[in-house]
């Protein structure tokens, strides 16, 4: 996964599949002769060594390796159009794509700039087609959609105009997490208005509610005959903890803000995931956790990440640090600690203006591919895809903080 994206011309791909000697330079990549592997150990060799290229059926792929496109066709997304095909013993399962975006804050300076541009959702524009191209698109809404109360966090209280929902819908968002530390920025009334405005929109919300039962309630989306269940929680505080009589966010008390790790909260989280996993095909967990402005997760992120996978989550994708963070593996499943900011007005550092979209490909209920698409947030607060050395730098920082085989041994 650590090489730049590889596209191989059809004729050369056929030669490689036949075992012809080839160099990386011949397919536009840095390096010398390609170490071409086949057989059962080929994919593991790719995970360990960036100079290895595996020739293997797409049905054997897993999200820790990157599939090369051939003639511009992705074997995971468009298997029927791929130039190199082999007979399969079973029918091809449905292909479903899921895109996960990081922290989205459309208030404060972002709202001012967007209003000046004449479109409250203008920052979503450059990435709109990419977002809307997925079967399911989700993200973390880092604000309220109401200012019905006093600001609880002073200048760090975030509220976006309710009309941004139209832009988020147009950009393809199907679900937004409210399980974060800014959903409560303007008090209980504003929080409830935010939930209601989302309820009346085409976009689902998860992670907050009028009481604990509703805050912890998962959301299930169905595409191509596959059910995807989403659960979200806040571990940072500030937004009230949802209880029987208190609106707020689903909460897990843990390092670094609300810890030490509360075993009762963890048990509620794992029970929620376990129950959900028994009624859906895929479980996606969306925690809001960790330290700000660092690539490194705190120890409790690793503990809770492992617990979520063990309880039945198929992938964990977190937010809050405002930087990208490393990736942990548990039973060969991904715990992505932070995707970084997606739309935000944190223009005081390079890292807070960088992030990655996570594009997932499922065959049936099995996660086959994970693509991290780097971008840079511009002066207009809009993310735009990064290329070349800038893209490599963004991804290299994430890999360096990741566990093996994605990161250093």
Protein backbone atom coordinates (compact mmCIF):
# COMPACT_ATOMS: atom_id res chain seq x y z
CA UNK A 1 0.00 0.00 0.00
CA UNK A 2 2.95 2.33 0.42
CA UNK A 3 3.77 2.73 -3.28
CA UNK A 4 2.14 5.40 -5.44
CA UNK A 5 -0.93 4.10 -7.19
CA UNK A 6 0.03 1.68 -9.98
CA UNK A 7 -1.60 1.55 -13.42
CA UNK A 8 -0.19 -1.00 -15.88
CA UNK A 9 -0.88 -1.06 -19.63
CA UNK A 10 -2.82 -4.15 -20.68
CA UNK A 11 -0.08 -5.64 -22.87
CA UNK A 12 2.57 -5.24 -20.19
CA UNK A 13 0.23 -6.65 -17.53
CA UNK A 14 -0.20 -9.79 -19.60
CA UNK A 15 3.59 -10.14 -19.86
CA UNK A 16 3.99 -9.69 -16.09
CA UNK A 17 1.28 -12.30 -15.43
CA UNK A 18 3.21 -14.67 -17.72
CA UNK A 19 6.36 -14.15 -15.63
CA UNK A 20 8.32 -11.88 -18.01
CA UNK A 21 11.10 -9.88 -16.23
CA UNK A 22 10.03 -6.27 -15.69
CA UNK A 23 11.40 -3.21 -13.91
CA UNK A 24 9.44 -0.73 -11.83
CA UNK A 25 10.56 2.05 -14.16
CA UNK A 26 8.72 0.32 -17.02
CA UNK A 27 5.43 0.87 -15.19
CA UNK A 28 6.25 4.40 -14.03
CA UNK A 29 7.38 3.54 -10.49
CA UNK A 30 10.66 4.13 -8.64
CA UNK A 31 12.93 1.11 -8.23
CA UNK A 32 14.78 -1.57 -10.15
CA UNK A 33 13.66 -5.04 -11.17
CA UNK A 34 10.25 -6.12 -9.90
CA UNK A 35 10.18 -9.15 -7.62
CA UNK A 36 7.12 -10.93 -9.07
CA UNK A 37 5.50 -13.49 -6.76
CA UNK A 38 2.70 -16.00 -7.25
CA UNK A 39 1.16 -18.62 -5.01
CA UNK A 40 -0.16 -18.64 -1.43
CA UNK A 41 2.58 -16.45 0.09
CA UNK A 42 2.56 -13.74 -2.57
CA UNK A 43 0.23 -11.29 -0.81
CA UNK A 44 2.07 -11.58 2.49
CA UNK A 45 5.31 -10.83 0.62
CA UNK A 46 3.73 -7.66 -0.82
CA UNK A 47 2.75 -6.54 2.68
CA UNK A 48 6.33 -6.87 3.87
CA UNK A 49 8.27 -5.57 0.86
CA UNK A 50 7.40 -2.63 -1.40
CA UNK A 51 9.55 -4.15 -4.19
CA UNK A 52 7.26 -7.17 -4.53
CA UNK A 53 4.39 -7.38 -7.02
CA UNK A 54 1.97 -10.28 -6.58
CA UNK A 55 0.03 -11.95 -9.38
CA UNK A 56 -3.07 -13.30 -7.64
CA UNK A 57 -6.84 -13.59 -8.16
CA UNK A 58 -8.71 -10.50 -6.96
CA UNK A 59 -10.86 -12.78 -4.80
CA UNK A 60 -7.80 -13.32 -2.56
CA UNK A 61 -7.06 -9.62 -2.06
CA UNK A 62 -7.30 -7.97 1.34
CA UNK A 63 -7.26 -4.32 2.43
CA UNK A 64 -3.59 -4.38 3.49
CA UNK A 65 -2.44 -4.59 -0.14
CA UNK A 66 -3.16 -2.27 -3.06
CA UNK A 67 -4.58 -3.64 -6.29
CA UNK A 68 -2.92 -2.35 -9.46
CA UNK A 69 -5.24 -1.02 -12.13
CA UNK A 70 -4.73 -2.38 -15.64
CA UNK A 71 -5.56 -0.08 -18.50
CA UNK A 72 -7.16 2.23 -15.92
CA UNK A 73 -9.59 -0.44 -14.66
CA UNK A 74 -9.69 -1.36 -10.97
CA UNK A 75 -10.13 -5.14 -10.45
CA UNK A 76 -12.01 -4.61 -7.19
CA UNK A 77 -14.41 -1.88 -8.29
CA UNK A 78 -14.98 -3.05 -11.87
CA UNK A 79 -14.03 -6.74 -11.99
CA UNK A 80 -16.13 -7.42 -15.07
CA UNK A 81 -14.12 -4.90 -17.12
CA UNK A 82 -10.68 -6.01 -15.94
CA UNK A 83 -8.41 -7.20 -18.75
CA UNK A 84 -6.94 -10.20 -16.88
CA UNK A 85 -9.59 -12.72 -15.88
CA UNK A 86 -9.62 -16.28 -14.61
CA UNK A 87 -12.49 -18.69 -14.09
CA UNK A 88 -14.00 -18.52 -10.60
CA UNK A 89 -15.68 -21.42 -8.79
CA UNK A 90 -18.47 -19.18 -7.44
CA UNK A 91 -20.55 -16.28 -8.73
CA UNK A 92 -19.13 -12.78 -8.36
CA UNK A 93 -20.63 -11.09 -5.26
CA UNK A 94 -22.06 -7.58 -5.32
CA UNK A 95 -19.51 -4.75 -5.23
CA UNK A 96 -20.27 -1.95 -2.76
CA UNK A 97 -18.12 1.14 -2.20
CA UNK A 98 -18.04 3.07 1.08
CA UNK A 99 -16.23 6.40 1.49
CA UNK A 100 -15.38 7.78 4.95
CA UNK A 101 -14.43 11.44 5.41
CA UNK A 102 -12.79 12.97 8.48
CA UNK A 103 -13.90 15.92 10.59
CA UNK A 104 -16.29 18.33 8.84
CA UNK A 105 -16.73 21.80 10.34
CA UNK A 106 -18.79 24.17 8.18
CA UNK A 107 -19.12 27.00 10.74
CA UNK A 108 -16.95 29.84 12.00
CA UNK A 109 -14.46 31.10 9.35
CA UNK A 110 -15.54 28.35 6.95
CA UNK A 111 -19.11 29.69 6.99
CA UNK A 112 -17.91 33.25 6.41
CA UNK A 113 -15.82 32.23 3.39
CA UNK A 114 -18.62 30.05 2.02
CA UNK A 115 -21.18 32.84 2.37
CA UNK A 116 -18.85 35.19 0.48
CA UNK A 117 -18.69 32.57 -2.29
CA UNK A 118 -22.49 32.45 -2.39
CA UNK A 119 -22.76 28.78 -1.37
CA UNK A 120 -22.83 27.64 2.27
CA UNK A 121 -21.47 24.25 1.19
CA UNK A 122 -18.84 25.63 -1.22
CA UNK A 123 -15.91 23.87 0.55
CA UNK A 124 -17.39 20.51 -0.49
CA UNK A 125 -17.31 21.45 -4.17
CA UNK A 126 -13.87 20.22 -5.28
CA UNK A 127 -14.45 16.75 -3.82
CA UNK A 128 -18.19 16.53 -4.46
CA UNK A 129 -18.10 14.13 -7.39
CA UNK A 130 -15.68 11.79 -5.64
CA UNK A 131 -17.82 11.72 -2.48
CA UNK A 132 -21.08 11.23 -4.36
CA UNK A 133 -19.57 8.42 -6.44
CA UNK A 134 -19.61 5.97 -3.53
CA UNK A 135 -22.57 3.76 -2.71
CA UNK A 136 -22.35 4.98 0.92
CA UNK A 137 -20.59 8.16 2.09
CA UNK A 138 -20.18 8.98 5.79
CA UNK A 139 -18.31 11.54 7.88
CA UNK A 140 -18.11 13.28 11.26
CA UNK A 141 -20.11 16.54 11.55
CA UNK A 142 -18.02 18.59 13.95
CA UNK A 143 -20.66 21.21 14.83
CA UNK A 144 -24.28 21.85 15.64
CA UNK A 145 -26.81 23.05 13.08
CA UNK A 146 -28.34 25.49 15.55
CA UNK A 147 -27.36 28.40 17.81
CA UNK A 148 -30.41 28.13 20.05
CA UNK A 149 -28.34 28.55 23.22
CA UNK A 150 -25.24 30.31 24.51
CA UNK A 151 -21.84 29.09 23.20
CA UNK A 152 -20.52 26.53 25.67
CA UNK A 153 -16.90 26.62 24.42
CA UNK A 154 -16.48 30.31 23.65
CA UNK A 155 -14.66 30.91 20.36
CA UNK A 156 -14.29 27.16 19.93
CA UNK A 157 -18.04 26.65 19.69
CA UNK A 158 -18.98 25.48 16.21
CA UNK A 159 -22.33 25.96 14.50
CA UNK A 160 -23.03 25.64 10.79
CA UNK A 161 -26.08 27.03 8.97
CA UNK A 162 -28.81 24.38 8.70
CA UNK A 163 -28.83 24.93 4.93
CA UNK A 164 -25.48 23.09 4.69
CA UNK A 165 -27.52 19.89 4.82
CA UNK A 166 -28.57 20.44 1.20
CA UNK A 167 -24.90 20.68 0.18
CA UNK A 168 -23.93 17.64 2.22
CA UNK A 169 -26.77 15.70 0.63
CA UNK A 170 -25.72 16.85 -2.86
CA UNK A 171 -22.16 15.72 -2.05
CA UNK A 172 -23.51 12.24 -1.41
CA UNK A 173 -23.38 12.03 2.38
CA UNK A 174 -25.70 9.31 3.65
CA UNK A 175 -24.77 9.41 7.33
CA UNK A 176 -23.06 11.86 9.71
CA UNK A 177 -21.70 11.08 13.15
CA UNK A 178 -22.73 13.42 15.95
CA UNK A 179 -20.71 11.44 18.49
CA UNK A 180 -18.15 14.18 19.09
CA UNK A 181 -17.18 16.98 21.47
CA UNK A 182 -18.86 19.81 19.53
CA UNK A 183 -22.41 18.50 19.06
CA UNK A 184 -23.30 20.14 22.39
CA UNK A 185 -21.61 23.49 21.72
CA UNK A 186 -24.82 25.54 21.98
CA UNK A 187 -26.63 23.58 24.66
CA UNK A 188 -29.35 20.97 24.82
CA UNK A 189 -31.92 22.80 22.72
CA UNK A 190 -29.48 23.33 19.86
CA UNK A 191 -28.37 19.71 20.07
CA UNK A 192 -31.97 18.49 19.81
CA UNK A 193 -32.65 20.87 16.92
CA UNK A 194 -29.59 19.54 15.13
CA UNK A 195 -30.80 15.95 15.54
CA UNK A 196 -34.28 16.90 14.32
CA UNK A 197 -32.96 18.79 11.29
CA UNK A 198 -30.96 15.75 10.29
CA UNK A 199 -33.99 13.53 10.88
CA UNK A 200 -35.98 15.64 8.43
CA UNK A 201 -33.20 15.51 5.84
CA UNK A 202 -32.14 12.57 3.64
CA UNK A 203 -29.03 12.16 5.82
CA UNK A 204 -28.99 9.80 8.80
CA UNK A 205 -27.20 10.63 12.05
CA UNK A 206 -25.59 8.41 14.66
CA UNK A 207 -23.84 8.85 18.00
CA UNK A 208 -26.12 11.40 19.74
CA UNK A 209 -29.74 11.52 20.79
CA UNK A 210 -32.37 12.82 23.15
CA UNK A 211 -31.32 10.20 25.70
CA UNK A 212 -28.80 7.39 26.06
CA UNK A 213 -30.96 4.80 24.31
CA UNK A 214 -31.23 6.96 21.19
CA UNK A 215 -27.60 8.10 21.32
CA UNK A 216 -26.36 4.51 21.34
CA UNK A 217 -28.78 3.33 18.67
CA UNK A 218 -26.89 2.15 15.56
CA UNK A 219 -27.93 3.13 12.05
CA UNK A 220 -28.26 0.50 9.32
CA UNK A 221 -27.90 1.34 5.62
CA UNK A 222 -28.54 -1.24 2.89
CA UNK A 223 -26.93 -1.31 -0.52
CA UNK A 224 -26.75 -4.10 -3.12
CA UNK A 225 -28.37 -6.57 -0.75
CA UNK A 226 -25.75 -5.95 1.98
CA UNK A 227 -26.55 -4.32 5.33
CA UNK A 228 -24.02 -1.91 6.85
CA UNK A 229 -24.39 -1.01 10.53
CA UNK A 230 -22.79 2.11 12.01
CA UNK A 231 -22.09 2.94 15.64
CA UNK A 232 -20.36 6.10 16.92
CA UNK A 233 -19.28 7.54 20.26
CA UNK A 234 -17.45 10.48 21.83
CA UNK A 235 -14.50 9.99 24.19
CA UNK A 236 -13.45 13.65 24.50
CA UNK A 237 -16.16 15.08 26.75
CA UNK A 238 -17.54 18.65 26.39
CA UNK A 239 -20.71 17.46 24.65
CA UNK A 240 -22.95 16.19 27.48
CA UNK A 241 -23.00 12.47 28.12
CA UNK A 242 -26.38 11.10 27.07
CA UNK A 243 -28.27 9.56 29.99
CA UNK A 244 -31.84 8.46 30.63
CA UNK A 245 -32.94 12.09 31.07
CA UNK A 246 -30.14 14.05 29.38
CA UNK A 247 -29.69 14.58 25.64
CA UNK A 248 -26.12 14.19 24.46
CA UNK A 249 -23.60 11.90 22.85
CA UNK A 250 -22.91 8.23 23.35
CA UNK A 251 -19.75 8.33 25.48
CA UNK A 252 -16.84 6.07 26.37
CA UNK A 253 -14.70 7.55 29.11
CA UNK A 254 -11.03 6.89 28.31
CA UNK A 255 -7.65 8.53 27.82
CA UNK A 256 -6.65 11.28 27.28
CA UNK A 257 -9.60 13.53 28.23
CA UNK A 258 -12.20 11.50 30.12
CA UNK A 259 -10.22 8.47 31.34
CA UNK A 260 -9.08 6.21 32.82
CA UNK A 261 -10.92 3.72 30.65
CA UNK A 262 -14.36 3.05 32.12
CA UNK A 263 -15.13 -0.66 31.95
CA UNK A 264 -18.88 -0.11 32.07
CA UNK A 265 -18.73 2.25 29.09
CA UNK A 266 -16.54 -0.21 27.19
CA UNK A 267 -18.96 -3.02 27.96
CA UNK A 268 -21.88 -0.98 26.60
CA UNK A 269 -19.87 -0.26 23.44
CA UNK A 270 -18.85 -3.87 22.84
CA UNK A 271 -22.34 -5.16 23.62
CA UNK A 272 -23.78 -2.67 21.12
CA UNK A 273 -21.34 -3.84 18.45
CA UNK A 274 -21.85 -7.52 19.24
CA UNK A 275 -25.64 -7.18 19.03
CA UNK A 276 -25.39 -5.17 15.81
CA UNK A 277 -23.01 -7.68 14.22
CA UNK A 278 -25.63 -10.42 14.63
CA UNK A 279 -28.19 -8.55 12.50
CA UNK A 280 -26.09 -6.84 9.80
CA UNK A 281 -23.45 -7.97 7.33
CA UNK A 282 -20.85 -5.26 8.04
CA UNK A 283 -20.20 -3.17 11.19
CA UNK A 284 -18.41 0.19 10.96
CA UNK A 285 -17.38 1.85 14.26
CA UNK A 286 -16.70 5.62 14.33
CA UNK A 287 -14.98 6.76 17.56
CA UNK A 288 -14.09 10.36 18.41
CA UNK A 289 -10.95 9.96 20.49
CA UNK A 290 -7.26 10.61 21.08
CA UNK A 291 -4.87 13.53 21.50
CA UNK A 292 -4.93 16.49 19.16
CA UNK A 293 -2.02 17.41 16.88
CA UNK A 294 -0.10 14.14 16.94
CA UNK A 295 0.30 11.16 14.60
CA UNK A 296 0.42 8.75 17.55
CA UNK A 297 -2.66 7.20 19.18
CA UNK A 298 -2.81 7.04 22.98
CA UNK A 299 -2.75 3.55 24.57
CA UNK A 300 -6.51 3.51 25.22
CA UNK A 301 -7.19 3.95 21.51
CA UNK A 302 -5.37 0.70 20.88
CA UNK A 303 -7.17 -1.07 23.74
CA UNK A 304 -10.62 0.11 22.69
CA UNK A 305 -9.85 -0.46 19.00
CA UNK A 306 -8.95 -4.08 19.71
CA UNK A 307 -12.08 -4.51 21.82
CA UNK A 308 -14.32 -3.20 19.03
CA UNK A 309 -12.83 -5.58 16.47
CA UNK A 310 -13.10 -8.49 18.93
CA UNK A 311 -16.77 -7.59 19.53
CA UNK A 312 -17.57 -7.81 15.81
CA UNK A 313 -16.63 -4.51 14.15
CA UNK A 314 -15.33 -5.03 10.62
CA UNK A 315 -13.48 -1.71 10.55
CA UNK A 316 -12.89 1.18 12.96
CA UNK A 317 -12.41 4.72 11.61
CA UNK A 318 -11.74 7.49 14.13
CA UNK A 319 -11.55 11.25 14.30
CA UNK A 320 -10.74 14.25 16.55
CA UNK A 321 -6.90 14.54 16.49
CA UNK A 322 -7.06 16.97 13.49
CA UNK A 323 -4.01 15.14 12.06
CA UNK A 324 -3.92 11.80 10.35
CA UNK A 325 -2.85 9.01 12.68
CA UNK A 326 -1.44 5.52 12.23
CA UNK A 327 -3.32 2.34 11.44
CA UNK A 328 -3.50 -0.67 13.73
CA UNK A 329 -4.31 -4.22 12.63
CA UNK A 330 -6.38 -6.63 14.67
CA UNK A 331 -7.16 -10.05 13.18
CA UNK A 332 -6.18 -8.49 9.83
CA UNK A 333 -8.89 -5.85 10.23
CA UNK A 334 -8.16 -2.12 10.19
CA UNK A 335 -8.32 0.33 13.09
CA UNK A 336 -7.77 3.71 11.43
CA UNK A 337 -7.16 6.09 14.31
CA UNK A 338 -7.74 9.39 12.48
CA UNK A 339 -8.31 10.58 8.91
CA UNK A 340 -7.52 14.19 9.87
CA UNK A 341 -9.61 17.26 9.07
CA UNK A 342 -11.78 17.18 5.95
CA UNK A 343 -13.22 20.70 6.10
CA UNK A 344 -11.92 22.96 8.87
CA UNK A 345 -10.54 26.46 9.46
CA UNK A 346 -7.43 25.27 11.33
CA UNK A 347 -4.98 27.05 9.04
CA UNK A 348 -2.23 27.40 11.66
CA UNK A 349 -0.22 24.30 10.68
CA UNK A 350 0.54 22.08 7.72
CA UNK A 351 -0.81 18.92 9.35
CA UNK A 352 -4.22 20.40 10.23
CA UNK A 353 -4.69 21.26 6.56
CA UNK A 354 -3.99 17.73 5.36
CA UNK A 355 -5.97 14.52 5.51
CA UNK A 356 -7.08 11.39 3.69
CA UNK A 357 -10.37 10.09 2.40
CA UNK A 358 -10.82 6.40 3.09
CA UNK A 359 -12.38 4.57 0.14
CA UNK A 360 -13.46 1.01 0.93
CA UNK A 361 -14.51 -1.72 -1.50
CA UNK A 362 -16.62 -4.64 -0.32
CA UNK A 363 -17.36 -7.81 -2.26
CA UNK A 364 -20.52 -8.95 -0.60
CA UNK A 365 -19.80 -8.47 3.10
CA UNK A 366 -16.02 -8.88 2.75
CA UNK A 367 -13.73 -5.85 2.79
CA UNK A 368 -11.39 -6.38 -0.17
CA UNK A 369 -9.72 -3.00 -0.61
CA UNK A 370 -8.92 0.21 1.28
CA UNK A 371 -7.60 3.24 -0.58
CA UNK A 372 -6.32 6.31 1.28
CA UNK A 373 -6.74 9.40 -0.91
CA UNK A 374 -4.66 12.36 0.32
CA UNK A 375 -5.82 15.97 0.02
CA UNK A 376 -4.87 19.47 1.13
CA UNK A 377 -7.29 22.06 2.54
CA UNK A 378 -6.89 25.35 0.67
CA UNK A 379 -7.29 29.03 1.70
CA UNK A 380 -11.02 28.72 0.90
CA UNK A 381 -11.18 25.81 3.40
CA UNK A 382 -11.99 23.34 0.60
CA UNK A 383 -10.09 20.03 0.43
CA UNK A 384 -8.51 19.22 -2.93
CA UNK A 385 -6.77 16.00 -3.87
CA UNK A 386 -2.99 16.04 -3.42
CA UNK A 387 -0.58 14.58 -5.96
CA UNK A 388 3.13 13.96 -6.34
CA UNK A 389 5.51 14.69 -3.50
CA UNK A 390 2.83 16.33 -1.33
CA UNK A 391 0.62 13.25 -1.55
CA UNK A 392 3.58 10.99 -0.78
CA UNK A 393 4.47 13.09 2.28
CA UNK A 394 0.93 12.90 3.67
CA UNK A 395 0.76 9.15 3.26
CA UNK A 396 4.33 8.56 4.47
CA UNK A 397 3.54 10.26 7.79
CA UNK A 398 0.54 7.98 8.24
CA UNK A 399 2.49 4.82 7.34
CA UNK A 400 5.34 5.80 9.69
CA UNK A 401 2.90 5.88 12.62
CA UNK A 402 1.22 2.59 11.64
CA UNK A 403 1.73 -0.92 12.93
CA UNK A 404 3.45 -3.58 10.78
CA UNK A 405 2.97 -4.60 8.03
CA UNK A 406 1.69 -1.15 7.03
CA UNK A 407 4.32 0.63 9.15
CA UNK A 408 7.91 -0.01 10.16
CA UNK A 409 8.87 -3.21 11.97
